[in-house]
Amino acid sequence: MAPPTPVPLKPYPPQWESVADLRVFRTTSEEWSKLIAWRADMRRRGWSLLRVSSEGQEMVAVFGRTKTDRSGATT
């Protein structure tokens, strides 16, 4: 059996960090579909869903908020 592929620590381009605060969320696809209310709450708080991808059995979501937006958003 082949060893598991290492998971990249940052599933987004490095230049995103210079313009946005980023949050990476990892879960199963089954759990991801159950988190509709949580994702809506993230949007209300000023976070945008930037990327969703799958890595094997895992879903990887990257949320971001531009650094200029964070002062006006509630946490």
Protein backbone atom coordinates (compact mmCIF):
# COMPACT_ATOMS: atom_id res chain seq x y z
CA MET A 1 0.00 0.00 0.00
CA ALA A 2 1.31 3.47 -0.86
CA PRO A 3 1.90 5.95 1.98
CA PRO A 4 -0.71 8.69 2.28
CA THR A 5 -0.04 11.86 0.36
CA PRO A 6 0.97 14.70 2.72
CA VAL A 7 -1.70 17.35 3.14
CA PRO A 8 -0.49 20.83 2.19
CA LEU A 9 -0.53 23.13 5.20
CA LYS A 10 -1.93 26.05 3.23
CA PRO A 11 -4.42 25.15 0.49
CA TYR A 12 -4.32 28.62 -1.04
CA PRO A 13 -1.80 30.78 -2.89
CA PRO A 14 0.72 32.55 -0.61
CA GLN A 15 -0.19 35.99 -2.00
CA TRP A 16 -3.70 35.70 -0.50
CA GLU A 17 -2.17 36.19 2.96
CA SER A 18 -0.97 39.69 2.08
CA VAL A 19 -4.49 40.95 1.29
CA ALA A 20 -6.84 38.86 3.43
CA ASP A 21 -7.33 37.13 6.74
CA LEU A 22 -7.85 33.46 5.94
CA ARG A 23 -9.44 30.52 7.73
CA VAL A 24 -9.12 26.92 6.56
CA PHE A 25 -11.82 24.44 7.52
CA ARG A 26 -11.43 20.69 6.97
CA THR A 27 -14.24 18.16 7.29
CA THR A 28 -15.88 15.23 5.54
CA SER A 29 -18.22 15.92 2.62
CA GLU A 30 -21.10 14.51 4.67
CA GLU A 31 -20.45 16.92 7.54
CA TRP A 32 -19.90 19.84 5.13
CA SER A 33 -23.44 19.45 3.78
CA LYS A 34 -24.79 19.70 7.35
CA LEU A 35 -23.04 23.01 8.05
CA ILE A 36 -25.30 25.30 6.02
CA ALA A 37 -26.21 27.50 9.01
CA TRP A 38 -22.58 27.79 10.08
CA ARG A 39 -21.51 28.82 6.56
CA ALA A 40 -24.30 31.44 6.45
CA ASP A 41 -23.12 32.79 9.81
CA MET A 42 -19.57 33.12 8.43
CA ARG A 43 -20.93 35.19 5.53
CA ARG A 44 -22.89 37.43 7.91
CA ARG A 45 -19.67 38.05 9.82
CA GLY A 46 -17.97 39.26 6.66
CA TRP A 47 -16.18 36.08 5.57
CA SER A 48 -16.38 34.91 1.96
CA LEU A 49 -16.03 31.33 0.83
CA LEU A 50 -13.00 31.56 -1.47
CA ARG A 51 -12.34 27.94 -2.34
CA VAL A 52 -13.71 24.47 -1.70
CA SER A 53 -11.73 21.44 -2.74
CA SER A 54 -11.41 17.82 -1.79
CA GLU A 55 -8.31 16.03 -0.62
CA GLY A 56 -9.11 12.34 -0.56
CA GLN A 57 -12.06 11.84 1.80
CA GLU A 58 -11.72 15.36 3.21
CA MET A 59 -13.35 18.63 2.13
CA VAL A 60 -11.18 21.73 2.46
CA ALA A 61 -12.83 25.15 2.55
CA VAL A 62 -10.95 28.44 2.58
CA PHE A 63 -12.77 31.46 3.96
CA GLY A 64 -11.33 34.93 3.59
CA ARG A 65 -12.00 38.50 4.57
CA THR A 66 -9.99 41.36 3.13
CA LYS A 67 -7.86 43.07 5.72
CA THR A 68 -9.64 46.41 5.10
CA ASP A 69 -13.05 44.76 5.75
CA ARG A 70 -12.20 43.32 9.16
CA SER A 71 -12.44 46.64 11.02
CA GLY A 72 -16.09 47.05 10.02
CA ALA A 73 -17.26 43.47 10.54
CA THR A 74 -18.57 42.12 13.81
CA THR A 75 -16.93 39.09 15.34
